[in-house]
Amino acid sequence: MDSTLAEMDPETLAFKIITFLTFKDEPMRPIDISRELNEKGSSVRARLAELKKDNLVESTGEGYISNITSYEILMKLFRQQPIE
């Protein structure tokens, strides 16, 4: 798992965006992401810039796509679960 992803808090907008993009089967524009997640467009664009800098997403002519696999997201969430 990417170390940046491993350090990311699942409650953050960045994690919500990367998860959303990972499970989408097509590139998504920032406006579409903000609508789907019910977040401000400026916040989504700022987080996308950070995620792109960390190589977690990439920008295509059609929108953003995730460089993370669904397996990596699921393992991140599994590891976050408290041990009882």
Protein backbone atom coordinates (compact mmCIF):
# COMPACT_ATOMS: atom_id res chain seq x y z
CA MET A 1 0.00 0.00 0.00
CA ASP A 2 1.24 3.47 -0.82
CA SER A 3 2.66 5.12 2.32
CA THR A 4 0.67 8.29 1.64
CA LEU A 5 -2.53 6.28 1.56
CA ALA A 6 -1.50 4.40 4.70
CA GLU A 7 -1.11 7.68 6.59
CA MET A 8 -4.41 9.16 5.34
CA ASP A 9 -7.28 9.53 7.82
CA PRO A 10 -10.43 7.84 6.41
CA GLU A 11 -12.54 10.72 7.75
CA THR A 12 -10.88 13.29 5.48
CA LEU A 13 -12.21 14.63 2.22
CA ALA A 14 -9.04 13.46 0.47
CA PHE A 15 -9.75 9.86 1.47
CA LYS A 16 -13.40 10.19 0.43
CA ILE A 17 -12.30 11.48 -2.98
CA ILE A 18 -9.69 8.77 -3.55
CA THR A 19 -12.20 6.10 -2.52
CA PHE A 20 -14.88 7.55 -4.77
CA LEU A 21 -12.52 7.65 -7.76
CA THR A 22 -11.18 4.17 -7.05
CA PHE A 23 -14.63 2.60 -7.27
CA LYS A 24 -15.73 4.61 -10.32
CA ASP A 25 -15.16 3.01 -13.70
CA GLU A 26 -14.65 6.27 -15.53
CA PRO A 27 -12.76 9.58 -15.19
CA MET A 28 -14.60 12.14 -13.10
CA ARG A 29 -14.48 15.93 -13.34
CA PRO A 30 -14.07 17.94 -10.12
CA ILE A 31 -17.58 19.38 -10.44
CA ASP A 32 -19.06 15.87 -10.68
CA ILE A 33 -17.05 14.69 -7.68
CA SER A 34 -18.17 17.67 -5.61
CA ARG A 35 -21.81 17.03 -6.49
CA GLU A 36 -21.61 13.31 -5.72
CA LEU A 37 -19.86 13.89 -2.39
CA ASN A 38 -21.89 17.01 -1.55
CA GLU A 39 -18.71 19.04 -0.98
CA LYS A 40 -17.58 22.48 -2.12
CA GLY A 41 -15.95 22.48 -5.53
CA SER A 42 -12.99 24.52 -4.29
CA SER A 43 -12.32 21.99 -1.52
CA VAL A 44 -12.49 19.09 -3.97
CA ARG A 45 -10.13 20.81 -6.42
CA ALA A 46 -7.64 21.55 -3.62
CA ARG A 47 -7.67 17.93 -2.41
CA LEU A 48 -7.34 16.66 -6.00
CA ALA A 49 -4.23 18.82 -6.42
CA GLU A 50 -2.75 17.28 -3.25
CA LEU A 51 -3.66 13.76 -4.35
CA LYS A 52 -2.14 14.38 -7.78
CA LYS A 53 1.06 15.69 -6.19
CA ASP A 54 1.24 12.46 -4.15
CA ASN A 55 0.60 10.40 -7.32
CA LEU A 56 -2.61 8.94 -5.90
CA VAL A 57 -4.68 10.30 -8.80
CA GLU A 58 -3.93 11.46 -12.29
CA SER A 59 -5.64 13.93 -14.54
CA THR A 60 -6.79 12.89 -18.00
CA GLY A 61 -8.53 14.94 -20.66
CA GLU A 62 -11.84 13.56 -19.40
CA GLY A 63 -11.29 13.99 -15.65
CA TYR A 64 -9.47 12.42 -12.74
CA ILE A 65 -8.80 8.74 -12.17
CA SER A 66 -7.39 6.89 -9.17
CA ASN A 67 -3.97 5.26 -9.18
CA ILE A 68 -5.04 3.19 -6.16
CA THR A 69 -6.72 -0.21 -6.38
CA SER A 70 -9.90 -1.17 -4.59
CA TYR A 71 -7.84 -3.78 -2.71
CA GLU A 72 -5.62 -1.03 -1.27
CA ILE A 73 -8.67 0.95 -0.11
CA LEU A 74 -10.22 -2.12 1.50
CA MET A 75 -6.97 -3.05 3.26
CA LYS A 76 -6.65 0.52 4.55
CA LEU A 77 -10.17 0.38 6.00
CA PHE A 78 -9.60 -3.10 7.42
CA ARG A 79 -6.43 -1.98 9.20
CA GLN A 80 -8.26 1.00 10.70
CA GLN A 81 -10.72 -1.24 12.53
CA PRO A 82 -10.11 -1.44 16.29
CA ILE A 83 -9.10 -4.82 17.65
CA GLU A 84 -11.54 -6.12 20.21
